[in-house]
Amino acid sequence: MKELVEVIAKALVDYPDQVTVTETETDKSIVVELRVAQSDMGKVIGKQGRIAKAIRSVVKAAASKSEKKVIVDIMQ
C-alpha cells in the first residue's frame, strides 16, 4: 500500500522529493501516513476533498484481498 500511495502522490505534487509515506501495521488495520510539502497540500486534498477521497478509494480497492482495513491519513 505504501508504494501505491507514494506513486499517486508524487504524480500529483510540484515537489515529489518532499513526499514521504510511512506505513504502520496492527492486527486489524494498516495506517498509511502521507506527508507532502505545505504548498502541495491543496493538490493532494483537492476541491472538497475529492482527490483525497479518490486516493482512499483506490487504496481500499487494492487492499480488498487482504482482510485488514487500510486507513490513509494526509498529514502536514
N, C-alpha and C. Protein backbone atom coordinates (compact mmCIF):
# COMPACT_ATOMS: atom_id res chain seq x y z
N MET A 1 0.82 -1.20 0.00
CA MET A 1 0.00 0.00 0.00
C MET A 1 0.86 1.26 0.00
N LYS A 2 1.98 1.19 0.71
CA LYS A 2 2.87 2.34 0.82
C LYS A 2 3.34 2.81 -0.56
N GLU A 3 3.74 1.88 -1.40
CA GLU A 3 4.25 2.22 -2.72
C GLU A 3 3.16 2.81 -3.59
N LEU A 4 1.95 2.29 -3.49
CA LEU A 4 0.83 2.79 -4.28
C LEU A 4 0.52 4.25 -3.94
N VAL A 5 0.44 4.56 -2.65
CA VAL A 5 0.16 5.93 -2.22
C VAL A 5 1.30 6.86 -2.65
N GLU A 6 2.52 6.38 -2.55
CA GLU A 6 3.68 7.20 -2.91
C GLU A 6 3.67 7.55 -4.40
N VAL A 7 3.37 6.58 -5.25
CA VAL A 7 3.34 6.81 -6.69
C VAL A 7 2.24 7.80 -7.06
N ILE A 8 1.07 7.64 -6.47
CA ILE A 8 -0.05 8.54 -6.75
C ILE A 8 0.29 9.96 -6.30
N ALA A 9 0.80 10.10 -5.09
CA ALA A 9 1.10 11.43 -4.54
C ALA A 9 2.20 12.12 -5.34
N LYS A 10 3.24 11.41 -5.72
CA LYS A 10 4.33 12.02 -6.48
C LYS A 10 3.87 12.50 -7.84
N ALA A 11 2.86 11.85 -8.41
CA ALA A 11 2.33 12.26 -9.71
C ALA A 11 1.52 13.55 -9.59
N LEU A 12 0.99 13.84 -8.41
CA LEU A 12 0.11 14.99 -8.23
C LEU A 12 0.83 16.28 -7.84
N VAL A 13 1.94 16.18 -7.13
CA VAL A 13 2.54 17.35 -6.48
C VAL A 13 3.62 18.03 -7.33
N ASP A 14 3.98 19.26 -6.93
CA ASP A 14 5.06 20.01 -7.58
C ASP A 14 6.43 19.62 -7.04
N TYR A 15 6.48 19.16 -5.78
CA TYR A 15 7.75 18.80 -5.14
C TYR A 15 7.73 17.32 -4.74
N PRO A 16 7.92 16.42 -5.72
CA PRO A 16 7.85 14.98 -5.41
C PRO A 16 8.95 14.49 -4.47
N ASP A 17 10.05 15.23 -4.37
CA ASP A 17 11.12 14.82 -3.47
C ASP A 17 10.75 15.02 -2.00
N GLN A 18 9.70 15.81 -1.72
CA GLN A 18 9.27 16.04 -0.34
C GLN A 18 8.11 15.13 0.08
N VAL A 19 7.74 14.18 -0.77
CA VAL A 19 6.67 13.24 -0.43
C VAL A 19 7.27 12.12 0.41
N THR A 20 6.69 11.90 1.60
CA THR A 20 7.10 10.78 2.43
C THR A 20 5.86 9.99 2.84
N VAL A 21 5.99 8.69 2.80
CA VAL A 21 4.88 7.80 3.16
C VAL A 21 5.39 6.80 4.18
N THR A 22 4.67 6.70 5.30
CA THR A 22 5.01 5.70 6.32
C THR A 22 3.82 4.78 6.50
N GLU A 23 4.13 3.54 6.80
CA GLU A 23 3.09 2.53 6.95
C GLU A 23 3.23 1.86 8.30
N THR A 24 2.14 1.82 9.07
CA THR A 24 2.11 1.18 10.37
C THR A 24 1.05 0.09 10.34
N GLU A 25 1.44 -1.10 10.71
CA GLU A 25 0.53 -2.24 10.63
C GLU A 25 0.19 -2.76 12.02
N THR A 26 -1.10 -2.98 12.26
CA THR A 26 -1.56 -3.59 13.50
C THR A 26 -2.28 -4.88 13.16
N ASP A 27 -2.91 -5.49 14.16
CA ASP A 27 -3.59 -6.76 13.92
C ASP A 27 -4.72 -6.65 12.89
N LYS A 28 -5.50 -5.59 12.98
CA LYS A 28 -6.69 -5.48 12.13
C LYS A 28 -6.63 -4.38 11.09
N SER A 29 -5.60 -3.53 11.13
CA SER A 29 -5.57 -2.41 10.20
C SER A 29 -4.15 -2.04 9.78
N ILE A 30 -4.09 -1.28 8.70
CA ILE A 30 -2.84 -0.71 8.20
C ILE A 30 -3.07 0.79 8.09
N VAL A 31 -2.22 1.58 8.73
CA VAL A 31 -2.33 3.04 8.66
C VAL A 31 -1.21 3.56 7.77
N VAL A 32 -1.59 4.26 6.72
CA VAL A 32 -0.63 4.84 5.78
C VAL A 32 -0.67 6.35 5.98
N GLU A 33 0.46 6.94 6.36
CA GLU A 33 0.54 8.39 6.57
C GLU A 33 1.29 9.01 5.40
N LEU A 34 0.64 9.99 4.78
CA LEU A 34 1.21 10.69 3.64
C LEU A 34 1.56 12.11 4.06
N ARG A 35 2.80 12.50 3.82
CA ARG A 35 3.25 13.86 4.12
C ARG A 35 3.78 14.48 2.83
N VAL A 36 3.31 15.71 2.56
CA VAL A 36 3.76 16.44 1.37
C VAL A 36 4.16 17.85 1.79
N ALA A 37 4.76 18.60 0.88
CA ALA A 37 5.13 19.99 1.15
C ALA A 37 3.86 20.80 1.41
N GLN A 38 4.00 21.83 2.21
CA GLN A 38 2.84 22.67 2.58
C GLN A 38 2.14 23.22 1.34
N SER A 39 2.91 23.62 0.33
CA SER A 39 2.31 24.20 -0.87
C SER A 39 1.58 23.16 -1.73
N ASP A 40 1.84 21.88 -1.49
CA ASP A 40 1.20 20.81 -2.26
C ASP A 40 -0.02 20.21 -1.57
N MET A 41 -0.36 20.67 -0.39
CA MET A 41 -1.49 20.09 0.34
C MET A 41 -2.79 20.20 -0.45
N GLY A 42 -3.01 21.32 -1.08
CA GLY A 42 -4.24 21.52 -1.85
C GLY A 42 -4.35 20.58 -3.03
N LYS A 43 -3.21 20.28 -3.64
CA LYS A 43 -3.22 19.37 -4.79
C LYS A 43 -3.54 17.94 -4.36
N VAL A 44 -3.12 17.55 -3.18
CA VAL A 44 -3.36 16.19 -2.71
C VAL A 44 -4.78 16.04 -2.16
N ILE A 45 -5.30 17.10 -1.56
CA ILE A 45 -6.65 17.03 -0.99
C ILE A 45 -7.70 17.30 -2.06
N GLY A 46 -7.50 18.30 -2.89
CA GLY A 46 -8.45 18.61 -3.95
C GLY A 46 -9.64 19.39 -3.45
N LYS A 47 -10.46 19.85 -4.38
CA LYS A 47 -11.65 20.61 -4.02
C LYS A 47 -12.63 19.70 -3.29
N GLN A 48 -13.06 20.14 -2.14
CA GLN A 48 -13.98 19.40 -1.27
C GLN A 48 -13.48 18.00 -0.96
N GLY A 49 -12.15 17.81 -1.00
CA GLY A 49 -11.56 16.52 -0.63
C GLY A 49 -11.73 15.42 -1.65
N ARG A 50 -12.02 15.78 -2.88
CA ARG A 50 -12.29 14.76 -3.90
C ARG A 50 -11.07 13.92 -4.23
N ILE A 51 -9.90 14.53 -4.34
CA ILE A 51 -8.70 13.76 -4.69
C ILE A 51 -8.30 12.86 -3.52
N ALA A 52 -8.39 13.38 -2.30
CA ALA A 52 -8.09 12.55 -1.12
C ALA A 52 -9.04 11.36 -1.06
N LYS A 53 -10.30 11.60 -1.35
CA LYS A 53 -11.30 10.52 -1.34
C LYS A 53 -10.99 9.49 -2.43
N ALA A 54 -10.54 9.96 -3.59
CA ALA A 54 -10.19 9.06 -4.68
C ALA A 54 -8.97 8.21 -4.32
N ILE A 55 -7.97 8.82 -3.69
CA ILE A 55 -6.79 8.08 -3.25
C ILE A 55 -7.20 6.98 -2.27
N ARG A 56 -8.06 7.34 -1.32
CA ARG A 56 -8.52 6.36 -0.34
C ARG A 56 -9.31 5.23 -1.01
N SER A 57 -10.10 5.55 -2.02
CA SER A 57 -10.89 4.53 -2.73
C SER A 57 -9.98 3.56 -3.48
N VAL A 58 -8.96 4.09 -4.14
CA VAL A 58 -8.02 3.23 -4.87
C VAL A 58 -7.27 2.31 -3.91
N VAL A 59 -6.83 2.85 -2.79
CA VAL A 59 -6.11 2.04 -1.80
C VAL A 59 -7.03 0.98 -1.21
N LYS A 60 -8.27 1.35 -0.94
CA LYS A 60 -9.23 0.39 -0.39
C LYS A 60 -9.48 -0.75 -1.38
N ALA A 61 -9.59 -0.41 -2.66
CA ALA A 61 -9.80 -1.44 -3.67
C ALA A 61 -8.58 -2.36 -3.78
N ALA A 62 -7.39 -1.78 -3.70
CA ALA A 62 -6.17 -2.59 -3.78
C ALA A 62 -6.02 -3.49 -2.56
N ALA A 63 -6.57 -3.07 -1.43
CA ALA A 63 -6.44 -3.84 -0.20
C ALA A 63 -7.60 -4.79 0.03
N SER A 64 -8.52 -4.87 -0.92
CA SER A 64 -9.72 -5.68 -0.71
C SER A 64 -9.41 -7.17 -0.53
N LYS A 65 -8.31 -7.65 -1.08
CA LYS A 65 -7.97 -9.06 -0.93
C LYS A 65 -7.45 -9.38 0.46
N SER A 66 -6.78 -8.40 1.07
CA SER A 66 -6.33 -8.62 2.45
C SER A 66 -7.51 -8.36 3.37
N GLU A 67 -7.48 -8.94 4.52
CA GLU A 67 -8.60 -8.81 5.45
C GLU A 67 -8.40 -7.67 6.44
N LYS A 68 -7.45 -6.78 6.14
CA LYS A 68 -7.17 -5.67 7.04
C LYS A 68 -7.76 -4.39 6.48
N LYS A 69 -8.20 -3.51 7.37
CA LYS A 69 -8.71 -2.21 6.99
C LYS A 69 -7.52 -1.28 6.75
N VAL A 70 -7.56 -0.52 5.67
CA VAL A 70 -6.47 0.40 5.35
C VAL A 70 -6.97 1.83 5.53
N ILE A 71 -6.22 2.60 6.32
CA ILE A 71 -6.54 3.99 6.61
C ILE A 71 -5.45 4.87 6.02
N VAL A 72 -5.83 5.86 5.21
CA VAL A 72 -4.87 6.79 4.63
C VAL A 72 -5.05 8.14 5.31
N ASP A 73 -4.00 8.59 6.01
CA ASP A 73 -4.00 9.90 6.67
C ASP A 73 -3.08 10.83 5.91
N ILE A 74 -3.59 12.03 5.61
CA ILE A 74 -2.78 13.05 4.95
C ILE A 74 -2.35 14.05 6.02
N MET A 75 -1.05 14.12 6.26
CA MET A 75 -0.50 14.92 7.35
C MET A 75 0.23 16.13 6.79
N GLN A 76 0.41 17.15 7.67
CA GLN A 76 1.21 18.31 7.30
C GLN A 76 2.63 18.12 7.75
